[in-house]
C-alpha cells in the first residue's frame, strides 16, 4: 500500500519513570503492508519522523516510537492526542557520517567494521549525538566516547 494512512493516537509512556514514548497503530499492519515490521515516514502533527512500525509485545501490538525531539516540536507529551500520517518508506536508508567521525573510524578498522554492521537507526543516533555538540571540544570528546562504545559493541540510545 503506498497511500498515506491517517489516524489520531494517544502518546503513551513506554514504562513508568522512562522518558520514552510510543503510539499504538490502530490498523492491521500486516494487511496494509504485508508484514509486521515496516519502515515508515510518519508525521506527528506535521512533524516528520523516519522510523519503523514494530510490535512491542503481543498485548500492546504494533507501535511507532515518538522521540523526545518530536514531542518537544509538537508541544505534546504522555497522554496527549496527536494527529498521525503514516506511509511506507521505500527509499534506501543511509547515514552521512561527518568527515571527522569518518576519519576516526578509519583509524580504528575494527570499530569501523562494527559500526558498519549497525542498523541505520543506531548509526543515525551516533551521528546525531556527535553533530549536536555545540563546542568543538565536546564534539571531539563525543567522537572518542563513540569509538569506545562501539568497540564495546554498545549502541547509542
N, C-alpha and C. Protein backbone atom coordinates (compact mmCIF):
# COMPACT_ATOMS: atom_id res chain seq x y z
N UNK A 1 0.86 -1.18 0.00
CA UNK A 1 0.00 0.00 0.00
C UNK A 1 0.90 1.23 0.00
N UNK A 2 0.67 2.15 -0.90
CA UNK A 2 1.50 3.34 -0.98
C UNK A 2 0.77 4.58 -0.47
N UNK A 3 -0.52 4.48 -0.30
CA UNK A 3 -1.28 5.63 0.19
C UNK A 3 -0.97 5.90 1.66
N UNK A 4 -1.09 7.16 2.02
CA UNK A 4 -0.90 7.54 3.42
C UNK A 4 -2.11 7.10 4.24
N UNK A 5 -1.85 6.68 5.44
CA UNK A 5 -2.89 6.29 6.39
C UNK A 5 -2.89 7.33 7.49
N UNK A 6 -4.07 7.91 7.77
CA UNK A 6 -4.18 8.95 8.79
C UNK A 6 -5.03 8.44 9.95
N UNK A 7 -4.61 8.83 11.15
CA UNK A 7 -5.36 8.46 12.34
C UNK A 7 -4.96 9.37 13.50
N UNK A 8 -5.73 9.30 14.57
CA UNK A 8 -5.45 10.02 15.79
C UNK A 8 -5.00 9.00 16.83
N UNK A 9 -3.97 9.35 17.61
CA UNK A 9 -3.46 8.42 18.61
C UNK A 9 -3.09 9.18 19.88
N UNK A 10 -2.99 8.43 20.96
CA UNK A 10 -2.57 8.98 22.24
C UNK A 10 -1.11 8.61 22.46
N UNK A 11 -0.29 9.59 22.84
CA UNK A 11 1.12 9.34 23.15
C UNK A 11 1.18 8.64 24.50
N UNK A 12 1.77 7.45 24.50
CA UNK A 12 1.86 6.66 25.72
C UNK A 12 3.30 6.57 26.21
N UNK A 13 3.46 6.54 27.51
CA UNK A 13 4.78 6.39 28.11
C UNK A 13 5.17 4.92 28.05
N UNK A 14 6.40 4.64 27.59
CA UNK A 14 6.84 3.26 27.43
C UNK A 14 6.81 2.50 28.75
N UNK A 15 7.41 3.08 29.78
CA UNK A 15 7.43 2.48 31.12
C UNK A 15 7.46 3.60 32.13
N UNK A 16 6.88 3.39 33.30
CA UNK A 16 6.92 4.44 34.33
C UNK A 16 8.37 4.85 34.63
N UNK A 17 8.58 6.15 34.71
CA UNK A 17 9.91 6.66 35.01
C UNK A 17 10.81 6.82 33.79
N UNK A 18 10.39 6.30 32.65
CA UNK A 18 11.19 6.42 31.43
C UNK A 18 10.69 7.60 30.59
N UNK A 19 11.63 8.29 29.95
CA UNK A 19 11.26 9.38 29.05
C UNK A 19 11.21 8.85 27.62
N UNK A 20 10.48 7.76 27.44
CA UNK A 20 10.32 7.13 26.13
C UNK A 20 8.83 6.98 25.85
N UNK A 21 8.45 7.22 24.60
CA UNK A 21 7.03 7.22 24.26
C UNK A 21 6.76 6.49 22.96
N UNK A 22 5.50 6.12 22.78
CA UNK A 22 5.06 5.47 21.56
C UNK A 22 3.59 5.76 21.34
N UNK A 23 3.13 5.44 20.13
CA UNK A 23 1.69 5.44 19.85
C UNK A 23 1.34 4.05 19.34
N UNK A 24 0.15 3.61 19.64
CA UNK A 24 -0.33 2.34 19.11
C UNK A 24 -0.84 2.56 17.69
N UNK A 25 -0.56 1.61 16.83
CA UNK A 25 -1.02 1.67 15.44
C UNK A 25 -2.40 1.00 15.39
N UNK A 26 -3.44 1.77 15.02
CA UNK A 26 -4.80 1.26 15.12
C UNK A 26 -5.32 0.50 13.89
N UNK A 27 -4.44 0.17 12.95
CA UNK A 27 -4.90 -0.56 11.77
C UNK A 27 -4.12 -1.86 11.63
N UNK A 28 -4.60 -2.73 10.76
CA UNK A 28 -3.97 -4.03 10.54
C UNK A 28 -2.72 -3.84 9.68
N UNK A 29 -1.57 -3.82 10.33
CA UNK A 29 -0.30 -3.55 9.65
C UNK A 29 0.00 -4.63 8.62
N UNK A 30 -0.21 -5.87 8.97
CA UNK A 30 0.07 -6.99 8.05
C UNK A 30 -0.80 -6.88 6.80
N UNK A 31 -2.04 -6.52 6.97
CA UNK A 31 -2.96 -6.37 5.84
C UNK A 31 -2.55 -5.17 4.97
N UNK A 32 -2.13 -4.10 5.61
CA UNK A 32 -1.78 -2.88 4.88
C UNK A 32 -0.45 -3.00 4.13
N UNK A 33 0.55 -3.66 4.76
CA UNK A 33 1.89 -3.67 4.19
C UNK A 33 2.44 -5.07 3.88
N UNK A 34 1.72 -6.11 4.28
CA UNK A 34 2.18 -7.47 4.00
C UNK A 34 3.23 -7.97 4.98
N UNK A 35 3.52 -7.19 6.02
CA UNK A 35 4.50 -7.58 7.04
C UNK A 35 4.21 -6.78 8.30
N UNK A 36 4.81 -7.20 9.41
CA UNK A 36 4.54 -6.54 10.69
C UNK A 36 5.58 -5.47 11.05
N UNK A 37 6.81 -5.62 10.57
CA UNK A 37 7.84 -4.60 10.81
C UNK A 37 8.01 -3.84 9.50
N UNK A 38 7.68 -2.54 9.54
CA UNK A 38 7.63 -1.74 8.33
C UNK A 38 8.39 -0.44 8.51
N UNK A 39 9.29 -0.14 7.60
CA UNK A 39 9.97 1.15 7.61
C UNK A 39 8.95 2.18 7.12
N UNK A 40 8.86 3.28 7.86
CA UNK A 40 7.83 4.28 7.55
C UNK A 40 8.36 5.70 7.61
N UNK A 41 7.59 6.58 6.98
CA UNK A 41 7.73 8.01 7.19
C UNK A 41 6.42 8.41 7.83
N UNK A 42 6.51 8.98 9.01
CA UNK A 42 5.31 9.39 9.73
C UNK A 42 5.35 10.88 9.98
N UNK A 43 4.19 11.44 10.18
CA UNK A 43 4.08 12.82 10.62
C UNK A 43 3.24 12.83 11.88
N UNK A 44 3.75 13.51 12.89
CA UNK A 44 3.03 13.70 14.14
C UNK A 44 2.69 15.17 14.21
N UNK A 45 1.42 15.52 14.03
CA UNK A 45 1.01 16.93 13.98
C UNK A 45 1.90 17.71 13.01
N UNK A 46 2.26 17.08 11.89
CA UNK A 46 3.06 17.73 10.86
C UNK A 46 4.56 17.61 11.02
N UNK A 47 5.05 17.08 12.14
CA UNK A 47 6.49 16.89 12.36
C UNK A 47 6.88 15.54 11.78
N UNK A 48 7.82 15.54 10.84
CA UNK A 48 8.20 14.33 10.11
C UNK A 48 9.17 13.47 10.92
N UNK A 49 8.94 12.16 10.84
CA UNK A 49 9.77 11.17 11.51
C UNK A 49 9.99 10.01 10.57
N UNK A 50 11.21 9.55 10.48
CA UNK A 50 11.53 8.38 9.67
C UNK A 50 11.91 7.27 10.63
N UNK A 51 11.12 6.21 10.66
CA UNK A 51 11.36 5.13 11.60
C UNK A 51 10.70 3.85 11.14
N UNK A 52 10.15 3.11 12.09
CA UNK A 52 9.53 1.82 11.78
C UNK A 52 8.29 1.60 12.63
N UNK A 53 7.40 0.79 12.09
CA UNK A 53 6.32 0.21 12.88
C UNK A 53 6.87 -1.13 13.35
N UNK A 54 6.76 -1.39 14.62
CA UNK A 54 7.24 -2.65 15.17
C UNK A 54 6.28 -3.12 16.25
N UNK A 55 6.31 -4.39 16.52
CA UNK A 55 5.45 -4.94 17.58
C UNK A 55 6.24 -4.89 18.88
N UNK A 56 5.70 -4.15 19.87
CA UNK A 56 6.36 -4.03 21.17
C UNK A 56 6.19 -5.34 21.93
N UNK A 57 4.98 -5.82 22.01
CA UNK A 57 4.67 -7.10 22.63
C UNK A 57 3.27 -7.50 22.16
N UNK A 58 2.85 -8.72 22.48
CA UNK A 58 1.56 -9.21 21.99
C UNK A 58 0.39 -8.38 22.51
N UNK A 59 0.50 -7.94 23.75
CA UNK A 59 -0.59 -7.17 24.36
C UNK A 59 -0.73 -5.78 23.75
N UNK A 60 0.39 -5.09 23.56
CA UNK A 60 0.37 -3.72 23.04
C UNK A 60 0.15 -3.71 21.53
N UNK A 61 0.75 -4.66 20.84
CA UNK A 61 0.62 -4.72 19.38
C UNK A 61 1.58 -3.79 18.68
N UNK A 62 1.30 -3.46 17.41
CA UNK A 62 2.22 -2.62 16.65
C UNK A 62 2.23 -1.18 17.16
N UNK A 63 3.45 -0.61 17.20
CA UNK A 63 3.63 0.75 17.72
C UNK A 63 4.62 1.52 16.85
N UNK A 64 4.61 2.83 17.04
CA UNK A 64 5.62 3.71 16.46
C UNK A 64 6.19 4.53 17.61
N UNK A 65 7.49 4.57 17.71
CA UNK A 65 8.13 5.37 18.75
C UNK A 65 7.92 6.86 18.48
N UNK A 66 7.76 7.62 19.55
CA UNK A 66 7.62 9.08 19.44
C UNK A 66 8.80 9.68 20.20
N UNK A 67 9.82 10.08 19.45
CA UNK A 67 11.04 10.61 20.05
C UNK A 67 10.79 11.87 20.87
N UNK A 68 11.66 12.10 21.84
CA UNK A 68 11.57 13.29 22.68
C UNK A 68 11.59 14.55 21.82
N UNK A 69 12.44 14.57 20.80
CA UNK A 69 12.54 15.71 19.89
C UNK A 69 11.20 16.01 19.22
N UNK A 70 10.49 14.98 18.82
CA UNK A 70 9.18 15.16 18.19
C UNK A 70 8.18 15.69 19.21
N UNK A 71 8.22 15.15 20.42
CA UNK A 71 7.31 15.63 21.46
C UNK A 71 7.57 17.10 21.76
N UNK A 72 8.83 17.50 21.77
CA UNK A 72 9.16 18.90 22.02
C UNK A 72 8.66 19.78 20.89
N UNK A 73 8.87 19.35 19.66
CA UNK A 73 8.45 20.15 18.50
C UNK A 73 6.93 20.29 18.40
N UNK A 74 6.21 19.26 18.82
CA UNK A 74 4.74 19.32 18.76
C UNK A 74 4.15 19.93 20.03
N UNK A 75 4.96 20.03 21.07
CA UNK A 75 4.45 20.53 22.35
C UNK A 75 3.56 19.51 23.04
N UNK A 76 3.75 18.24 22.69
CA UNK A 76 2.91 17.18 23.25
C UNK A 76 3.73 16.26 24.14
N UNK A 77 3.03 15.57 25.05
CA UNK A 77 3.68 14.65 25.97
C UNK A 77 2.77 13.45 26.22
N UNK A 78 3.12 12.65 27.20
CA UNK A 78 2.35 11.46 27.53
C UNK A 78 0.90 11.82 27.80
N UNK A 79 -0.01 11.05 27.21
CA UNK A 79 -1.43 11.26 27.42
C UNK A 79 -2.06 12.22 26.43
N UNK A 80 -1.25 12.97 25.68
CA UNK A 80 -1.78 13.91 24.69
C UNK A 80 -2.15 13.19 23.40
N UNK A 81 -3.10 13.75 22.70
CA UNK A 81 -3.53 13.22 21.41
C UNK A 81 -2.74 13.88 20.29
N UNK A 82 -2.39 13.10 19.29
CA UNK A 82 -1.61 13.59 18.17
C UNK A 82 -2.23 13.07 16.86
N UNK A 83 -2.20 13.91 15.83
CA UNK A 83 -2.66 13.51 14.50
C UNK A 83 -1.48 12.85 13.79
N UNK A 84 -1.69 11.66 13.26
CA UNK A 84 -0.60 10.88 12.66
C UNK A 84 -0.91 10.55 11.21
N UNK A 85 0.08 10.70 10.37
CA UNK A 85 0.01 10.24 8.99
C UNK A 85 1.18 9.30 8.78
N UNK A 86 0.91 8.14 8.21
CA UNK A 86 1.94 7.11 8.01
C UNK A 86 1.93 6.66 6.56
N UNK A 87 3.14 6.51 6.01
CA UNK A 87 3.26 5.87 4.70
C UNK A 87 4.54 5.05 4.70
N UNK A 88 4.54 3.99 3.91
CA UNK A 88 5.72 3.12 3.86
C UNK A 88 6.89 3.88 3.26
N UNK A 89 8.06 3.68 3.85
CA UNK A 89 9.29 4.31 3.39
C UNK A 89 10.07 3.29 2.57
N UNK A 90 10.08 3.47 1.28
CA UNK A 90 10.76 2.52 0.39
C UNK A 90 12.12 3.03 -0.08
N UNK A 91 12.49 4.22 0.37
CA UNK A 91 13.78 4.79 -0.01
C UNK A 91 14.90 4.10 0.78
N UNK A 92 16.06 3.92 0.16
CA UNK A 92 17.19 3.34 0.90
C UNK A 92 17.57 4.25 2.07
N UNK A 93 17.97 3.64 3.15
CA UNK A 93 18.35 4.40 4.33
C UNK A 93 19.87 4.40 4.45
N UNK A 94 20.41 5.58 4.49
CA UNK A 94 21.84 5.69 4.69
C UNK A 94 22.11 6.89 5.58
N UNK A 95 23.22 6.82 6.27
CA UNK A 95 23.61 7.88 7.19
C UNK A 95 24.87 8.54 6.64
N UNK A 96 24.87 9.86 6.59
CA UNK A 96 26.05 10.60 6.17
C UNK A 96 26.92 10.80 7.41
N UNK A 97 28.06 10.14 7.40
CA UNK A 97 28.97 10.22 8.54
C UNK A 97 29.89 11.42 8.32
N UNK A 98 29.92 12.37 9.27
CA UNK A 98 30.77 13.55 9.10
C UNK A 98 32.25 13.15 9.00
N UNK A 99 33.01 13.99 8.30
CA UNK A 99 34.40 13.65 7.99
C UNK A 99 35.26 13.38 9.23
N UNK A 100 35.09 14.15 10.30
CA UNK A 100 35.93 13.92 11.49
C UNK A 100 35.63 12.56 12.14
N UNK A 101 34.37 12.18 12.16
CA UNK A 101 34.00 10.88 12.71
C UNK A 101 34.45 9.77 11.76
N UNK A 102 34.30 10.00 10.47
CA UNK A 102 34.73 9.04 9.47
C UNK A 102 36.23 8.77 9.56
N UNK A 103 37.01 9.84 9.74
CA UNK A 103 38.46 9.69 9.89
C UNK A 103 38.82 8.91 11.15
N UNK A 104 38.09 9.17 12.23
CA UNK A 104 38.33 8.44 13.48
C UNK A 104 37.99 6.96 13.31
N UNK A 105 36.92 6.67 12.58
CA UNK A 105 36.57 5.28 12.32
C UNK A 105 37.63 4.62 11.44
N UNK A 106 38.11 5.33 10.41
CA UNK A 106 39.12 4.79 9.50
C UNK A 106 40.41 4.45 10.25
N UNK A 107 40.72 5.21 11.29
CA UNK A 107 41.92 4.96 12.09
C UNK A 107 41.74 3.77 13.04
N UNK A 108 40.51 3.27 13.13
CA UNK A 108 40.19 2.15 14.02
C UNK A 108 39.38 1.11 13.23
N UNK A 109 40.05 0.31 12.39
CA UNK A 109 39.35 -0.60 11.47
C UNK A 109 38.34 -1.55 12.13
N UNK A 110 38.68 -2.07 13.31
CA UNK A 110 37.75 -2.99 13.98
C UNK A 110 36.48 -2.26 14.41
N UNK A 111 36.65 -1.03 14.91
CA UNK A 111 35.50 -0.23 15.32
C UNK A 111 34.67 0.14 14.09
N UNK A 112 35.35 0.51 13.01
CA UNK A 112 34.65 0.86 11.77
C UNK A 112 33.82 -0.32 11.27
N UNK A 113 34.38 -1.51 11.33
CA UNK A 113 33.67 -2.71 10.88
C UNK A 113 32.42 -2.95 11.73
N UNK A 114 32.55 -2.78 13.04
CA UNK A 114 31.40 -2.94 13.93
C UNK A 114 30.34 -1.89 13.62
N UNK A 115 30.76 -0.64 13.47
CA UNK A 115 29.83 0.45 13.17
C UNK A 115 29.10 0.19 11.86
N UNK A 116 29.79 -0.30 10.85
CA UNK A 116 29.16 -0.56 9.55
C UNK A 116 28.10 -1.65 9.63
N UNK A 117 28.21 -2.52 10.61
CA UNK A 117 27.23 -3.60 10.78
C UNK A 117 25.97 -3.13 11.51
N UNK A 118 26.04 -1.96 12.16
CA UNK A 118 24.90 -1.44 12.90
C UNK A 118 23.76 -1.09 11.95
N UNK A 119 22.57 -1.19 12.46
CA UNK A 119 21.37 -0.80 11.71
C UNK A 119 21.37 0.71 11.50
N UNK A 120 20.63 1.14 10.52
CA UNK A 120 20.50 2.56 10.18
C UNK A 120 20.25 3.42 11.42
N UNK A 121 19.30 3.01 12.24
CA UNK A 121 18.91 3.80 13.41
C UNK A 121 20.08 4.01 14.36
N UNK A 122 20.85 2.97 14.62
CA UNK A 122 21.96 3.09 15.56
C UNK A 122 23.07 3.99 14.99
N UNK A 123 23.33 3.87 13.71
CA UNK A 123 24.31 4.77 13.08
C UNK A 123 23.83 6.21 13.17
N UNK A 124 22.55 6.41 12.84
CA UNK A 124 21.97 7.75 12.86
C UNK A 124 22.07 8.36 14.25
N UNK A 125 21.80 7.58 15.29
CA UNK A 125 21.84 8.09 16.66
C UNK A 125 23.24 8.54 17.05
N UNK A 126 24.26 7.75 16.67
CA UNK A 126 25.63 8.16 16.96
C UNK A 126 25.97 9.46 16.24
N UNK A 127 25.65 9.54 14.95
CA UNK A 127 25.98 10.73 14.16
C UNK A 127 25.25 11.95 14.71
N UNK A 128 23.99 11.81 15.07
CA UNK A 128 23.25 12.95 15.63
C UNK A 128 23.86 13.41 16.94
N UNK A 129 24.22 12.48 17.79
CA UNK A 129 24.82 12.82 19.08
C UNK A 129 26.11 13.62 18.87
N UNK A 130 26.92 13.17 17.93
CA UNK A 130 28.19 13.86 17.65
C UNK A 130 27.94 15.24 17.04
N UNK A 131 27.09 15.31 16.05
CA UNK A 131 26.88 16.58 15.33
C UNK A 131 26.10 17.61 16.14
N UNK A 132 25.41 17.19 17.18
CA UNK A 132 24.66 18.13 18.01
C UNK A 132 25.52 18.81 19.06
N UNK A 133 26.78 18.42 19.16
CA UNK A 133 27.68 19.08 20.11
C UNK A 133 27.86 20.53 19.69
N UNK A 134 27.79 21.43 20.63
CA UNK A 134 27.90 22.86 20.32
C UNK A 134 29.35 23.33 20.26
N UNK A 135 30.22 22.72 21.04
CA UNK A 135 31.62 23.14 21.08
C UNK A 135 32.50 22.08 20.40
N UNK A 136 33.54 22.51 19.70
CA UNK A 136 34.45 21.56 19.04
C UNK A 136 35.04 20.53 20.01
N UNK A 137 35.38 20.98 21.22
CA UNK A 137 35.97 20.04 22.18
C UNK A 137 34.94 19.00 22.64
N UNK A 138 33.68 19.40 22.74
CA UNK A 138 32.63 18.44 23.09
C UNK A 138 32.46 17.43 21.97
N UNK A 139 32.49 17.93 20.75
CA UNK A 139 32.37 17.04 19.58
C UNK A 139 33.50 16.00 19.59
N UNK A 140 34.72 16.44 19.84
CA UNK A 140 35.86 15.51 19.86
C UNK A 140 35.72 14.49 21.00
N UNK A 141 35.23 14.94 22.16
CA UNK A 141 35.01 14.01 23.28
C UNK A 141 33.95 12.98 22.91
N UNK A 142 32.92 13.43 22.20
CA UNK A 142 31.85 12.51 21.80
C UNK A 142 32.36 11.51 20.76
N UNK A 143 33.21 11.94 19.86
CA UNK A 143 33.78 11.01 18.88
C UNK A 143 34.61 9.95 19.62
N UNK A 144 35.43 10.39 20.55
CA UNK A 144 36.25 9.45 21.32
C UNK A 144 35.37 8.48 22.11
N UNK A 145 34.32 9.00 22.73
CA UNK A 145 33.40 8.15 23.50
C UNK A 145 32.66 7.19 22.58
N UNK A 146 32.27 7.67 21.40
CA UNK A 146 31.57 6.81 20.42
C UNK A 146 32.47 5.65 20.02
N UNK A 147 33.73 5.93 19.74
CA UNK A 147 34.66 4.86 19.37
C UNK A 147 34.77 3.83 20.49
N UNK A 148 34.84 4.31 21.72
CA UNK A 148 34.93 3.43 22.89
C UNK A 148 33.67 2.56 23.01
N UNK A 149 32.51 3.20 22.86
CA UNK A 149 31.24 2.47 22.99
C UNK A 149 31.07 1.45 21.87
N UNK A 150 31.38 1.86 20.64
CA UNK A 150 31.25 0.95 19.50
C UNK A 150 32.22 -0.23 19.66
N UNK A 151 33.44 0.04 20.10
CA UNK A 151 34.42 -1.03 20.34
C UNK A 151 33.89 -2.05 21.33
N UNK A 152 33.08 -1.57 22.28
CA UNK A 152 32.48 -2.46 23.28
C UNK A 152 31.18 -3.09 22.78
N UNK A 153 30.80 -2.76 21.53
CA UNK A 153 29.58 -3.32 20.94
C UNK A 153 28.31 -2.66 21.42
N UNK A 154 28.44 -1.47 22.00
CA UNK A 154 27.26 -0.76 22.52
C UNK A 154 26.62 0.09 21.44
N UNK A 155 25.32 0.15 21.48
CA UNK A 155 24.57 1.01 20.56
C UNK A 155 24.17 2.26 21.33
N UNK A 156 24.19 3.40 20.66
CA UNK A 156 23.83 4.64 21.32
C UNK A 156 22.32 4.73 21.41
N UNK A 157 21.80 4.92 22.60
CA UNK A 157 20.36 5.12 22.77
C UNK A 157 20.06 5.61 24.17
